Protein backbone atom coordinates (compact mmCIF):
# COMPACT_ATOMS: atom_id res chain seq x y z
CA MET A 1 0.00 0.00 0.00
CA LYS A 2 1.13 3.55 -0.65
CA SER A 3 1.18 6.47 1.80
CA LEU A 4 1.60 10.20 1.24
CA ILE A 5 3.53 12.14 3.88
CA VAL A 6 2.73 15.86 3.86
CA ASP A 7 4.95 18.00 6.09
CA ASP A 8 7.13 21.04 5.45
CA ALA A 9 9.81 19.73 7.84
CA ARG A 10 12.24 17.41 6.05
CA VAL A 11 13.26 15.71 9.32
CA VAL A 12 9.63 14.81 10.08
CA ARG A 13 9.15 13.42 6.56
CA LEU A 14 12.29 11.32 6.98
CA ALA A 15 11.13 9.97 10.36
CA LEU A 16 7.68 9.10 9.03
CA ARG A 17 9.17 7.58 5.86
CA GLY A 18 11.36 5.29 7.98
CA ILE A 19 8.43 4.14 10.12
CA MET A 20 6.13 3.56 7.16
CA GLN A 21 8.74 1.70 5.12
CA GLN A 22 9.50 -0.55 8.11
CA LEU A 23 5.78 -1.40 8.15
CA GLY A 24 5.95 -2.33 4.47
CA TRP A 25 4.39 0.81 2.97
CA GLN A 26 5.53 2.60 -0.17
CA VAL A 27 5.98 6.33 0.48
CA VAL A 28 5.63 9.52 -1.54
CA GLU A 29 6.13 12.97 -0.04
CA ALA A 30 4.94 16.55 -0.30
CA GLU A 31 6.07 19.73 1.48
CA ASN A 32 2.63 21.40 1.51
CA GLY A 33 -1.00 20.89 0.57
CA LYS A 34 -0.52 22.09 -3.00
CA GLN A 35 2.21 19.52 -3.63
CA ALA A 36 0.05 16.89 -1.91
CA MET A 37 -2.77 17.54 -4.40
CA GLU A 38 -0.26 17.12 -7.23
CA GLN A 39 0.95 13.83 -5.74
CA LEU A 40 -2.64 12.55 -5.55
CA GLN A 41 -3.11 13.34 -9.24
CA ARG A 42 0.01 11.29 -10.09
CA ASN A 43 -0.52 8.44 -7.58
CA HIS A 44 -4.02 7.01 -7.73
CA ASP A 45 -3.15 4.19 -5.32
CA ILE A 46 -2.52 6.25 -2.17
CA GLY A 47 -4.37 4.63 0.73
CA LEU A 48 -3.18 6.87 3.56
CA ILE A 49 -2.15 10.48 4.06
CA LEU A 50 -0.08 11.53 7.08
CA LEU A 51 -0.79 15.25 7.23
CA ASP A 52 0.77 18.15 9.10
CA TRP A 53 -1.38 21.19 9.91
CA HIS A 54 1.03 24.14 9.74
CA MET A 55 2.70 24.48 6.32
CA PRO A 56 3.30 27.28 3.83
CA VAL A 57 1.46 27.60 0.47
CA MET A 58 -1.50 25.41 1.53
CA ASN A 59 -1.84 24.24 5.14
CA GLY A 60 -3.03 20.80 6.18
CA TYR A 61 -6.51 21.88 7.22
CA ASP A 62 -7.18 23.65 3.90
CA PHE A 63 -5.83 20.61 2.04
CA LEU A 64 -8.10 18.31 4.06
CA VAL A 65 -11.20 20.42 3.35
CA SER A 66 -10.34 20.53 -0.34
CA LEU A 67 -9.62 16.78 -0.43
CA ARG A 68 -12.90 15.75 1.19
CA ALA A 69 -14.87 18.21 -0.99
CA SER A 70 -13.83 16.19 -4.05
CA PRO A 71 -16.30 13.32 -4.72
CA GLU A 72 -13.50 10.83 -5.42
CA TYR A 73 -11.83 11.52 -2.04
CA VAL A 74 -14.81 11.65 0.32
CA GLU A 75 -13.93 8.35 2.07
CA GLU A 76 -10.47 7.42 0.80
CA PRO A 77 -7.63 7.81 1.29
CA LYS A 78 -7.60 7.68 5.07
CA VAL A 79 -6.07 10.78 6.69
CA ILE A 80 -4.13 10.91 9.94
CA MET A 81 -3.23 14.40 11.13
CA VAL A 82 0.32 14.39 12.56
CA THR A 83 0.80 17.82 14.06
CA THR A 84 1.80 20.02 17.00
CA GLU A 85 -1.72 21.49 16.96
CA ALA A 86 -2.92 20.07 20.28
CA SER A 87 -6.03 22.03 21.30
CA MET A 88 -9.32 20.15 21.51
CA PRO A 89 -11.12 22.64 19.22
CA SER A 90 -8.44 22.06 16.54
CA ILE A 91 -8.71 18.28 16.89
CA LEU A 92 -12.50 18.44 16.56
CA LYS A 93 -12.18 20.82 13.60
CA ALA A 94 -9.87 18.38 11.78
CA ILE A 95 -12.06 15.35 12.52
CA SER A 96 -15.14 17.28 11.38
CA ALA A 97 -13.33 18.20 8.15
CA GLY A 98 -12.65 14.54 7.41
CA ALA A 99 -9.51 13.44 9.25
CA ASN A 100 -9.81 9.82 10.37
CA GLU A 101 -7.29 9.99 13.22
CA TYR A 102 -5.06 12.50 14.99
CA ILE A 103 -1.51 12.17 16.35
CA MET A 104 0.24 14.95 18.24
CA LYS A 105 3.97 15.50 17.73
CA PRO A 106 6.28 14.19 18.96
CA PHE A 107 5.26 10.71 17.78
CA ASP A 108 6.88 7.29 17.69
CA ALA A 109 6.49 4.12 15.62
CA ASP A 110 4.12 2.55 18.16
CA MET A 111 1.73 5.51 17.92
CA ILE A 112 1.68 5.31 14.12
CA GLN A 113 1.17 1.54 14.20
CA GLU A 114 -1.67 1.86 16.72
CA LYS A 115 -3.53 4.41 14.57
CA LEU A 116 -3.06 2.31 11.42
CA GLY A 117 -4.53 -0.65 13.28
CA MET A 118 -7.48 1.43 14.46
CA LEU A 119 -8.20 2.32 10.82
CA GLY A 120 -7.90 -1.31 9.70
CA LEU A 121 -4.79 -0.55 7.63
CA PRO A 122 -1.75 -2.87 7.28
CA VAL A 123 0.74 -2.66 10.15
């Protein structure tokens, strides 16, 4: 299965890439929501998006709203927010916009694996 990691921080993308590849996932990356949309156009087999909130050009929340507004992306791919945005109103806002799960940074491999399992995705 293929995942899309969307984060403006290279070190976070590298960490997530390592975790996902260890779990047997293929990985593509984007630095912001605009690039993520472009990756979705090129990769029709993405089953999971790991999405940061705070990014330049197009932030994660705006990307999520745009993604779920498109009829082909209403249910899939699954989206896990991976962000420093820790307030309950922000979490509820993201879930209401279509995020399937939410992880607060810092994260570790066990947290990612647990969320994948909760979504019924390969771990």
